[in-house]
């Protein structure tokens, strides 16, 4: 089991963020967990395969759909998942092209 802490760049915890475990080069998540009020969650992976771990959170940016922020994905082997690690969310997002 591995404890993951998700935070903003200024160190504030990212409560209610999602942490995903996926196989590299796919969009299929093999596990996903939501963080608590302190930005923490636990992952439980098994086997011996490469995985990608990343976090995302939806924020209210004043638009109808809101905006999503992501962490940089961490790629590693399931057997090398550390007991504790942190993911930092980006403060920017790609903007959709303006509608004509």
PDB file of N, CA and C in Angstrom:
ATOM      1  N   UNK A   1       0.847  -1.169   0.000  1.00  0.00           N
ATOM      2  CA  UNK A   1       0.000   0.000   0.000  1.00  0.00           C
ATOM      3  C   UNK A   1       0.892   1.232   0.000  1.00  0.00           C
ATOM      4  N   UNK A   2       0.451   2.275  -0.713  1.00  0.00           N
ATOM      5  CA  UNK A   2       1.219   3.502  -0.846  1.00  0.00           C
ATOM      6  C   UNK A   2       0.334   4.694  -0.532  1.00  0.00           C
ATOM      7  N   UNK A   3       0.839   5.608   0.280  1.00  0.00           N
ATOM      8  CA  UNK A   3       0.093   6.826   0.610  1.00  0.00           C
ATOM      9  C   UNK A   3       0.505   7.916  -0.365  1.00  0.00           C
ATOM     10  N   UNK A   4      -0.501   8.551  -0.988  1.00  0.00           N
ATOM     11  CA  UNK A   4      -0.258   9.615  -1.951  1.00  0.00           C
ATOM     12  C   UNK A   4      -0.838  10.910  -1.398  1.00  0.00           C
ATOM     13  N   UNK A   5      -0.036  11.959  -1.442  1.00  0.00           N
ATOM     14  CA  UNK A   5      -0.487  13.290  -1.029  1.00  0.00           C
ATOM     15  C   UNK A   5      -0.572  14.151  -2.284  1.00  0.00           C
ATOM     16  N   UNK A   6      -1.730  14.761  -2.514  1.00  0.00           N
ATOM     17  CA  UNK A   6      -1.920  15.640  -3.668  1.00  0.00           C
ATOM     18  C   UNK A   6      -2.039  17.062  -3.151  1.00  0.00           C
ATOM     19  N   UNK A   7      -1.254  17.965  -3.760  1.00  0.00           N
ATOM     20  CA  UNK A   7      -1.223  19.348  -3.296  1.00  0.00           C
ATOM     21  C   UNK A   7      -1.142  20.306  -4.471  1.00  0.00           C
ATOM     22  N   UNK A   8      -1.435  21.567  -4.184  1.00  0.00           N
ATOM     23  CA  UNK A   8      -1.237  22.663  -5.126  1.00  0.00           C
ATOM     24  C   UNK A   8       0.210  23.116  -5.036  1.00  0.00           C
ATOM     25  N   UNK A   9       0.713  23.857  -6.006  1.00  0.00           N
ATOM     26  CA  UNK A   9       2.113  24.300  -5.969  1.00  0.00           C
ATOM     27  C   UNK A   9       2.489  25.084  -4.709  1.00  0.00           C
ATOM     28  N   UNK A  10       1.524  25.759  -4.094  1.00  0.00           N
ATOM     29  CA  UNK A  10       1.829  26.516  -2.869  1.00  0.00           C
ATOM     30  C   UNK A  10       1.779  25.650  -1.606  1.00  0.00           C
ATOM     31  N   UNK A  11       1.561  24.337  -1.778  1.00  0.00           N
ATOM     32  CA  UNK A  11       1.566  23.417  -0.643  1.00  0.00           C
ATOM     33  C   UNK A  11       0.208  23.124  -0.042  1.00  0.00           C
ATOM     34  N   UNK A  12      -0.823  23.860  -0.452  1.00  0.00           N
ATOM     35  CA  UNK A  12      -2.166  23.578   0.079  1.00  0.00           C
ATOM     36  C   UNK A  12      -2.622  22.197  -0.360  1.00  0.00           C
ATOM     37  N   UNK A  13      -3.259  21.432   0.534  1.00  0.00           N
ATOM     38  CA  UNK A  13      -3.757  20.114   0.141  1.00  0.00           C
ATOM     39  C   UNK A  13      -4.872  20.236  -0.894  1.00  0.00           C
ATOM     40  N   UNK A  14      -4.916  19.296  -1.800  1.00  0.00           N
ATOM     41  CA  UNK A  14      -5.959  19.257  -2.830  1.00  0.00           C
ATOM     42  C   UNK A  14      -7.005  18.234  -2.405  1.00  0.00           C
ATOM     43  N   UNK A  15      -7.963  18.698  -1.606  1.00  0.00           N
ATOM     44  CA  UNK A  15      -9.007  17.778  -1.176  1.00  0.00           C
ATOM     45  C   UNK A  15      -9.990  17.544  -2.312  1.00  0.00           C
ATOM     46  N   UNK A  16     -10.523  16.358  -2.371  1.00  0.00           N
ATOM     47  CA  UNK A  16     -11.493  15.953  -3.375  1.00  0.00           C
ATOM     48  C   UNK A  16     -10.885  15.837  -4.775  1.00  0.00           C
ATOM     49  N   UNK A  17      -9.589  15.563  -4.856  1.00  0.00           N
ATOM     50  CA  UNK A  17      -8.932  15.283  -6.146  1.00  0.00           C
ATOM     51  C   UNK A  17      -9.002  13.779  -6.397  1.00  0.00           C
ATOM     52  N   UNK A  18      -8.827  13.397  -7.629  1.00  0.00           N
ATOM     53  CA  UNK A  18      -8.787  11.984  -7.989  1.00  0.00           C
ATOM     54  C   UNK A  18      -7.368  11.577  -8.314  1.00  0.00           C
ATOM     55  N   UNK A  19      -6.942  10.420  -7.818  1.00  0.00           N
ATOM     56  CA  UNK A  19      -5.636   9.851  -8.141  1.00  0.00           C
ATOM     57  C   UNK A  19      -5.897   8.578  -8.942  1.00  0.00           C
ATOM     58  N   UNK A  20      -5.236   8.483 -10.096  1.00  0.00           N
ATOM     59  CA  UNK A  20      -5.441   7.353 -11.007  1.00  0.00           C
ATOM     60  C   UNK A  20      -4.169   6.538 -11.152  1.00  0.00           C
ATOM     61  N   UNK A  21      -4.346   5.243 -11.285  1.00  0.00           N
ATOM     62  CA  UNK A  21      -3.267   4.329 -11.654  1.00  0.00           C
ATOM     63  C   UNK A  21      -3.681   3.752 -13.003  1.00  0.00           C
ATOM     64  N   UNK A  22      -2.823   3.915 -14.005  1.00  0.00           N
ATOM     65  CA  UNK A  22      -3.133   3.442 -15.355  1.00  0.00           C
ATOM     66  C   UNK A  22      -1.901   2.783 -15.957  1.00  0.00           C
ATOM     67  N   UNK A  23      -2.143   1.985 -16.955  1.00  0.00           N
ATOM     68  CA  UNK A  23      -1.024   1.417 -17.701  1.00  0.00           C
ATOM     69  C   UNK A  23      -0.519   2.469 -18.675  1.00  0.00           C
ATOM     70  N   UNK A  24       0.798   2.583 -18.870  1.00  0.00           N
ATOM     71  CA  UNK A  24       1.331   3.577 -19.810  1.00  0.00           C
ATOM     72  C   UNK A  24       0.748   3.395 -21.206  1.00  0.00           C
ATOM     73  N   UNK A  25       0.595   4.510 -21.895  1.00  0.00           N
ATOM     74  CA  UNK A  25       0.131   4.543 -23.279  1.00  0.00           C
ATOM     75  C   UNK A  25      -1.317   4.088 -23.440  1.00  0.00           C
ATOM     76  N   UNK A  26      -2.095   4.137 -22.355  1.00  0.00           N
ATOM     77  CA  UNK A  26      -3.522   3.837 -22.437  1.00  0.00           C
ATOM     78  C   UNK A  26      -4.282   4.878 -21.630  1.00  0.00           C
ATOM     79  N   UNK A  27      -5.577   4.903 -21.785  1.00  0.00           N
ATOM     80  CA  UNK A  27      -6.431   5.765 -20.973  1.00  0.00           C
ATOM     81  C   UNK A  27      -7.176   4.948 -19.927  1.00  0.00           C
ATOM     82  N   UNK A  28      -6.901   3.658 -19.869  1.00  0.00           N
ATOM     83  CA  UNK A  28      -7.617   2.776 -18.953  1.00  0.00           C
ATOM     84  C   UNK A  28      -7.005   2.819 -17.563  1.00  0.00           C
ATOM     85  N   UNK A  29      -7.787   3.261 -16.593  1.00  0.00           N
ATOM     86  CA  UNK A  29      -7.335   3.275 -15.207  1.00  0.00           C
ATOM     87  C   UNK A  29      -7.571   1.904 -14.593  1.00  0.00           C
ATOM     88  N   UNK A  30      -6.588   1.401 -13.856  1.00  0.00           N
ATOM     89  CA  UNK A  30      -6.758   0.127 -13.169  1.00  0.00           C
ATOM     90  C   UNK A  30      -7.170   0.352 -11.720  1.00  0.00           C
ATOM     91  N   UNK A  31      -7.005   1.583 -11.239  1.00  0.00           N
ATOM     92  CA  UNK A  31      -7.434   1.945  -9.884  1.00  0.00           C
ATOM     93  C   UNK A  31      -7.588   3.454  -9.848  1.00  0.00           C
ATOM     94  N   UNK A  32      -8.504   3.930  -9.035  1.00  0.00           N
ATOM     95  CA  UNK A  32      -8.649   5.367  -8.830  1.00  0.00           C
ATOM     96  C   UNK A  32      -9.222   5.591  -7.444  1.00  0.00           C
ATOM     97  N   UNK A  33      -8.729   6.639  -6.815  1.00  0.00           N
ATOM     98  CA  UNK A  33      -9.141   6.960  -5.446  1.00  0.00           C
ATOM     99  C   UNK A  33      -9.314   8.463  -5.311  1.00  0.00           C
ATOM    100  N   UNK A  34     -10.193   8.888  -4.413  1.00  0.00           N
ATOM    101  CA  UNK A  34     -10.423  10.307  -4.137  1.00  0.00           C
ATOM    102  C   UNK A  34      -9.667  10.693  -2.872  1.00  0.00           C
ATOM    103  N   UNK A  35      -9.085  11.897  -2.883  1.00  0.00           N
ATOM    104  CA  UNK A  35      -8.336  12.363  -1.707  1.00  0.00           C
ATOM    105  C   UNK A  35      -9.275  12.867  -0.623  1.00  0.00           C
ATOM    106  N   UNK A  36      -8.791  12.819   0.613  1.00  0.00           N
ATOM    107  CA  UNK A  36      -9.554  13.331   1.743  1.00  0.00           C
ATOM    108  C   UNK A  36      -9.291  14.827   1.912  1.00  0.00           C
ATOM    109  N   UNK A  37      -9.795  15.425   3.000  1.00  0.00           N
ATOM    110  CA  UNK A  37      -9.649  16.864   3.237  1.00  0.00           C
ATOM    111  C   UNK A  37      -8.188  17.310   3.337  1.00  0.00           C
ATOM    112  N   UNK A  38      -7.290  16.383   3.674  1.00  0.00           N
ATOM    113  CA  UNK A  38      -5.864  16.711   3.793  1.00  0.00           C
ATOM    114  C   UNK A  38      -5.103  16.422   2.505  1.00  0.00           C
ATOM    115  N   UNK A  39      -5.813  16.029   1.438  1.00  0.00           N
ATOM    116  CA  UNK A  39      -5.172  15.740   0.162  1.00  0.00           C
ATOM    117  C   UNK A  39      -4.535  14.368   0.079  1.00  0.00           C
ATOM    118  N   UNK A  40      -4.889  13.469   0.987  1.00  0.00           N
ATOM    119  CA  UNK A  40      -4.271  12.145   1.038  1.00  0.00           C
ATOM    120  C   UNK A  40      -5.220  11.045   0.578  1.00  0.00           C
ATOM    121  N   UNK A  41      -4.623  10.003   0.008  1.00  0.00           N
ATOM    122  CA  UNK A  41      -5.347   8.786  -0.324  1.00  0.00           C
ATOM    123  C   UNK A  41      -4.338   7.645  -0.333  1.00  0.00           C
ATOM    124  N   UNK A  42      -4.835   6.428  -0.419  1.00  0.00           N
ATOM    125  CA  UNK A  42      -3.947   5.261  -0.466  1.00  0.00           C
ATOM    126  C   UNK A  42      -4.203   4.465  -1.731  1.00  0.00           C
ATOM    127  N   UNK A  43      -3.116   3.979  -2.312  1.00  0.00           N
ATOM    128  CA  UNK A  43      -3.197   3.120  -3.494  1.00  0.00           C
ATOM    129  C   UNK A  43      -2.724   1.734  -3.116  1.00  0.00           C
ATOM    130  N   UNK A  44      -3.375   0.745  -3.670  1.00  0.00           N
ATOM    131  CA  UNK A  44      -2.986  -0.637  -3.425  1.00  0.00           C
ATOM    132  C   UNK A  44      -2.837  -1.311  -4.782  1.00  0.00           C
ATOM    133  N   UNK A  45      -1.607  -1.497  -5.222  1.00  0.00           N
ATOM    134  CA  UNK A  45      -1.350  -2.126  -6.523  1.00  0.00           C
ATOM    135  C   UNK A  45      -0.626  -3.442  -6.299  1.00  0.00           C
ATOM    136  N   UNK A  46      -0.739  -4.328  -7.268  1.00  0.00           N
ATOM    137  CA  UNK A  46      -0.051  -5.609  -7.172  1.00  0.00           C
ATOM    138  C   UNK A  46       0.427  -6.006  -8.552  1.00  0.00           C
ATOM    139  N   UNK A  47       1.191  -7.060  -8.607  1.00  0.00           N
ATOM    140  CA  UNK A  47       1.726  -7.518  -9.875  1.00  0.00           C
ATOM    141  C   UNK A  47       3.081  -6.880 -10.147  1.00  0.00           C
ATOM    142  N   UNK A  48       3.564  -7.103 -11.339  1.00  0.00           N
ATOM    143  CA  UNK A  48       4.872  -6.589 -11.745  1.00  0.00           C
ATOM    144  C   UNK A  48       4.736  -6.038 -13.156  1.00  0.00           C
ATOM    145  N   UNK A  49       4.276  -4.789 -13.236  1.00  0.00           N
ATOM    146  CA  UNK A  49       4.093  -4.170 -14.543  1.00  0.00           C
ATOM    147  C   UNK A  49       4.327  -2.671 -14.440  1.00  0.00           C
ATOM    148  N   UNK A  50       4.609  -2.022 -15.557  1.00  0.00           N
ATOM    149  CA  UNK A  50       4.744  -0.579 -15.532  1.00  0.00           C
ATOM    150  C   UNK A  50       3.377   0.070 -15.335  1.00  0.00           C
ATOM    151  N   UNK A  51       3.344   1.159 -14.574  1.00  0.00           N
ATOM    152  CA  UNK A  51       2.112   1.911 -14.344  1.00  0.00           C
ATOM    153  C   UNK A  51       2.407   3.402 -14.440  1.00  0.00           C
ATOM    154  N   UNK A  52       1.342   4.154 -14.594  1.00  0.00           N
ATOM    155  CA  UNK A  52       1.413   5.616 -14.583  1.00  0.00           C
ATOM    156  C   UNK A  52       0.454   6.089 -13.494  1.00  0.00           C
ATOM    157  N   UNK A  53       0.926   6.958 -12.596  1.00  0.00           N
ATOM    158  CA  UNK A  53       0.105   7.493 -11.513  1.00  0.00           C
ATOM    159  C   UNK A  53       0.002   8.998 -11.712  1.00  0.00           C
ATOM    160  N   UNK A  54      -1.222   9.523 -11.661  1.00  0.00           N
ATOM    161  CA  UNK A  54      -1.407  10.967 -11.802  1.00  0.00           C
ATOM    162  C   UNK A  54      -2.667  11.395 -11.065  1.00  0.00           C
ATOM    163  N   UNK A  55      -2.790  12.696 -10.840  1.00  0.00           N
ATOM    164  CA  UNK A  55      -3.947  13.247 -10.144  1.00  0.00           C
ATOM    165  C   UNK A  55      -4.648  14.254 -11.034  1.00  0.00           C
ATOM    166  N   UNK A  56      -5.941  14.423 -10.787  1.00  0.00           N
ATOM    167  CA  UNK A  56      -6.705  15.462 -11.474  1.00  0.00           C
ATOM    168  C   UNK A  56      -7.751  16.016 -10.525  1.00  0.00           C
ATOM    169  N   UNK A  57      -8.128  17.253 -10.778  1.00  0.00           N
ATOM    170  CA  UNK A  57      -9.167  17.891  -9.982  1.00  0.00           C
ATOM    171  C   UNK A  57      -9.913  18.875 -10.868  1.00  0.00           C
ATOM    172  N   UNK A  58     -11.205  18.970 -10.676  1.00  0.00           N
ATOM    173  CA  UNK A  58     -12.017  19.949 -11.394  1.00  0.00           C
ATOM    174  C   UNK A  58     -12.128  21.187 -10.521  1.00  0.00           C
ATOM    175  N   UNK A  59     -11.931  22.340 -11.119  1.00  0.00           N
ATOM    176  CA  UNK A  59     -12.036  23.597 -10.381  1.00  0.00           C
ATOM    177  C   UNK A  59     -13.077  24.480 -11.050  1.00  0.00           C
ATOM    178  N   UNK A  60     -13.705  25.330 -10.267  1.00  0.00           N
ATOM    179  CA  UNK A  60     -14.694  26.254 -10.801  1.00  0.00           C
ATOM    180  C   UNK A  60     -13.957  27.493 -11.301  1.00  0.00           C
ATOM    181  N   UNK A  61     -13.887  27.630 -12.630  1.00  0.00           N
ATOM    182  CA  UNK A  61     -13.203  28.789 -13.202  1.00  0.00           C
ATOM    183  C   UNK A  61     -14.190  29.793 -13.789  1.00  0.00           C
ATOM    184  N   UNK A  62     -15.465  29.658 -13.403  1.00  0.00           N
ATOM    185  CA  UNK A  62     -16.482  30.596 -13.860  1.00  0.00           C
ATOM    186  C   UNK A  62     -17.117  30.213 -15.192  1.00  0.00           C
ATOM    187  N   UNK A  63     -16.710  29.095 -15.771  1.00  0.00           N
ATOM    188  CA  UNK A  63     -17.331  28.646 -17.008  1.00  0.00           C
ATOM    189  C   UNK A  63     -18.373  27.594 -16.680  1.00  0.00           C
ATOM    190  N   UNK A  64     -19.186  27.259 -17.647  1.00  0.00           N
ATOM    191  CA  UNK A  64     -20.238  26.275 -17.434  1.00  0.00           C
ATOM    192  C   UNK A  64     -19.654  24.913 -17.073  1.00  0.00           C
ATOM    193  N   UNK A  65     -18.598  24.509 -17.762  1.00  0.00           N
ATOM    194  CA  UNK A  65     -18.032  23.181 -17.556  1.00  0.00           C
ATOM    195  C   UNK A  65     -16.908  23.160 -16.527  1.00  0.00           C
ATOM    196  N   UNK A  66     -16.412  24.304 -16.136  1.00  0.00           N
ATOM    197  CA  UNK A  66     -15.282  24.313 -15.218  1.00  0.00           C
ATOM    198  C   UNK A  66     -13.996  23.954 -15.926  1.00  0.00           C
ATOM    199  N   UNK A  67     -12.949  23.753 -15.167  1.00  0.00           N
ATOM    200  CA  UNK A  67     -11.642  23.430 -15.744  1.00  0.00           C
ATOM    201  C   UNK A  67     -11.020  22.298 -14.943  1.00  0.00           C
ATOM    202  N   UNK A  68     -10.182  21.525 -15.585  1.00  0.00           N
ATOM    203  CA  UNK A  68      -9.514  20.414 -14.926  1.00  0.00           C
ATOM    204  C   UNK A  68      -8.028  20.701 -14.824  1.00  0.00           C
ATOM    205  N   UNK A  69      -7.460  20.412 -13.672  1.00  0.00           N
ATOM    206  CA  UNK A  69      -6.021  20.546 -13.455  1.00  0.00           C
ATOM    207  C   UNK A  69      -5.451  19.153 -13.239  1.00  0.00           C
ATOM    208  N   UNK A  70      -4.252  18.914 -13.768  1.00  0.00           N
ATOM    209  CA  UNK A  70      -3.609  17.611 -13.680  1.00  0.00           C
ATOM    210  C   UNK A  70      -2.232  17.739 -13.042  1.00  0.00           C
ATOM    211  N   UNK A  71      -1.759  16.643 -12.476  1.00  0.00           N
ATOM    212  CA  UNK A  71      -0.361  16.569 -12.037  1.00  0.00           C
ATOM    213  C   UNK A  71       0.455  15.978 -13.181  1.00  0.00           C
ATOM    214  N   UNK A  72       1.749  16.091 -13.090  1.00  0.00           N
ATOM    215  CA  UNK A  72       2.625  15.416 -14.033  1.00  0.00           C
ATOM    216  C   UNK A  72       2.538  13.921 -13.719  1.00  0.00           C
ATOM    217  N   UNK A  73       2.341  13.066 -14.720  1.00  0.00           N
ATOM    218  CA  UNK A  73       2.267  11.628 -14.443  1.00  0.00           C
ATOM    219  C   UNK A  73       3.614  11.061 -14.011  1.00  0.00           C
ATOM    220  N   UNK A  74       3.558  10.127 -13.094  1.00  0.00           N
ATOM    221  CA  UNK A  74       4.749   9.422 -12.626  1.00  0.00           C
ATOM    222  C   UNK A  74       4.683   8.017 -13.208  1.00  0.00           C
ATOM    223  N   UNK A  75       5.716   7.634 -13.954  1.00  0.00           N
ATOM    224  CA  UNK A  75       5.753   6.290 -14.536  1.00  0.00           C
ATOM    225  C   UNK A  75       6.791   5.460 -13.806  1.00  0.00           C
ATOM    226  N   UNK A  76       6.368   4.275 -13.346  1.00  0.00           N
ATOM    227  CA  UNK A  76       7.248   3.388 -12.594  1.00  0.00           C
ATOM    228  C   UNK A  76       6.719   1.980 -12.626  1.00  0.00           C
ATOM    229  N   UNK A  77       7.427   1.066 -12.014  1.00  0.00           N
ATOM    230  CA  UNK A  77       7.000  -0.327 -11.907  1.00  0.00           C
ATOM    231  C   UNK A  77       6.165  -0.490 -10.635  1.00  0.00           C
ATOM    232  N   UNK A  78       5.161  -1.360 -10.682  1.00  0.00           N
ATOM    233  CA  UNK A  78       4.327  -1.567  -9.489  1.00  0.00           C
ATOM    234  C   UNK A  78       5.159  -1.998  -8.290  1.00  0.00           C
ATOM    235  N   UNK A  79       6.215  -2.769  -8.534  1.00  0.00           N
ATOM    236  CA  UNK A  79       7.056  -3.242  -7.429  1.00  0.00           C
ATOM    237  C   UNK A  79       7.918  -2.133  -6.843  1.00  0.00           C
ATOM    238  N   UNK A  80       7.987  -0.970  -7.519  1.00  0.00           N
ATOM    239  CA  UNK A  80       8.813   0.139  -7.040  1.00  0.00           C
ATOM    240  C   UNK A  80       7.989   1.331  -6.588  1.00  0.00           C
ATOM    241  N   UNK A  81       6.695   1.120  -6.366  1.00  0.00           N
ATOM    242  CA  UNK A  81       5.835   2.182  -5.878  1.00  0.00           C
ATOM    243  C   UNK A  81       6.255   2.512  -4.453  1.00  0.00           C
ATOM    244  N   UNK A  82       6.686   3.766  -4.187  1.00  0.00           N
ATOM    245  CA  UNK A  82       7.149   4.096  -2.843  1.00  0.00           C
ATOM    246  C   UNK A  82       6.015   4.077  -1.819  1.00  0.00           C
ATOM    247  N   UNK A  83       6.370   3.954  -0.553  1.00  0.00           N
ATOM    248  CA  UNK A  83       5.373   3.929   0.518  1.00  0.00           C
ATOM    249  C   UNK A  83       4.638   5.260   0.621  1.00  0.00           C
ATOM    250  N   UNK A  84       5.326   6.362   0.371  1.00  0.00           N
ATOM    251  CA  UNK A  84       4.740   7.709   0.409  1.00  0.00           C
ATOM    252  C   UNK A  84       5.288   8.516  -0.758  1.00  0.00           C
ATOM    253  N   UNK A  85       4.429   9.229  -1.442  1.00  0.00           N
ATOM    254  CA  UNK A  85       4.904  10.183  -2.436  1.00  0.00           C
ATOM    255  C   UNK A  85       3.854  11.252  -2.675  1.00  0.00           C
ATOM    256  N   UNK A  86       4.268  12.331  -3.329  1.00  0.00           N
ATOM    257  CA  UNK A  86       3.393  13.477  -3.543  1.00  0.00           C
ATOM    258  C   UNK A  86       3.220  13.761  -5.024  1.00  0.00           C
ATOM    259  N   UNK A  87       2.047  14.252  -5.362  1.00  0.00           N
ATOM    260  CA  UNK A  87       1.741  14.722  -6.705  1.00  0.00           C
ATOM    261  C   UNK A  87       1.328  16.185  -6.583  1.00  0.00           C
ATOM    262  N   UNK A  88       1.826  17.027  -7.475  1.00  0.00           N
ATOM    263  CA  UNK A  88       1.517  18.457  -7.434  1.00  0.00           C
ATOM    264  C   UNK A  88       0.684  18.801  -8.661  1.00  0.00           C
ATOM    265  N   UNK A  89      -0.460  19.432  -8.420  1.00  0.00           N
ATOM    266  CA  UNK A  89      -1.358  19.818  -9.502  1.00  0.00           C
ATOM    267  C   UNK A  89      -0.862  21.066 -10.209  1.00  0.00           C
ATOM    268  N   UNK A  90      -1.149  21.169 -11.476  1.00  0.00           N
ATOM    269  CA  UNK A  90      -0.803  22.352 -12.254  1.00  0.00           C
ATOM    270  C   UNK A  90      -1.799  23.464 -11.947  1.00  0.00           C
ATOM    271  N   UNK A  91      -1.348  24.697 -12.047  1.00  0.00           N
ATOM    272  CA  UNK A  91      -2.267  25.821 -11.843  1.00  0.00           C
ATOM    273  C   UNK A  91      -2.841  26.323 -13.153  1.00  0.00           C
ATOM    274  N   UNK A  92      -2.414  25.745 -14.270  1.00  0.00           N
ATOM    275  CA  UNK A  92      -2.937  26.192 -15.564  1.00  0.00           C
ATOM    276  C   UNK A  92      -3.603  25.026 -16.276  1.00  0.00           C
ATOM    277  N   UNK A  93      -4.379  25.359 -17.283  1.00  0.00           N
ATOM    278  CA  UNK A  93      -5.058  24.370 -18.088  1.00  0.00           C
ATOM    279  C   UNK A  93      -5.067  24.837 -19.528  1.00  0.00           C
ATOM    280  N   UNK A  94      -5.211  23.912 -20.438  1.00  0.00           N
ATOM    281  CA  UNK A  94      -5.359  24.291 -21.834  1.00  0.00           C
ATOM    282  C   UNK A  94      -6.710  24.955 -22.018  1.00  0.00           C
ATOM    283  N   UNK A  95      -6.728  26.044 -22.706  1.00  0.00           N
ATOM    284  CA  UNK A  95      -7.979  26.762 -22.940  1.00  0.00           C
ATOM    285  C   UNK A  95      -8.590  26.296 -24.254  1.00  0.00           C
ATOM    286  N   UNK A  96      -9.890  26.132 -24.249  1.00  0.00           N
ATOM    287  CA  UNK A  96     -10.594  25.770 -25.485  1.00  0.00           C
ATOM    288  C   UNK A  96     -10.562  26.945 -26.446  1.00  0.00           C
ATOM    289  N   UNK A  97     -10.588  26.644 -27.729  1.00  0.00           N
ATOM    290  CA  UNK A  97     -10.618  27.705 -28.729  1.00  0.00           C
ATOM    291  C   UNK A  97     -11.910  28.491 -28.625  1.00  0.00           C
ATOM    292  N   UNK A  98     -11.864  29.809 -28.767  1.00  0.00           N
ATOM    293  CA  UNK A  98     -13.101  30.602 -28.678  1.00  0.00           C
ATOM    294  C   UNK A  98     -14.091  30.187 -29.764  1.00  0.00           C
ATOM    295  N   UNK A  99     -15.340  30.194 -29.409  1.00  0.00           N
ATOM    296  CA  UNK A  99     -16.398  29.859 -30.356  1.00  0.00           C
ATOM    297  C   UNK A  99     -16.730  31.076 -31.219  1.00  0.00           C
ATOM    298  N   UNK A 100     -16.938  30.871 -32.523  1.00  0.00           N
ATOM    299  CA  UNK A 100     -17.256  32.001 -33.425  1.00  0.00           C
ATOM    300  C   UNK A 100     -18.618  32.594 -33.121  1.00  0.00           C
TER     301      UNK A 100
END
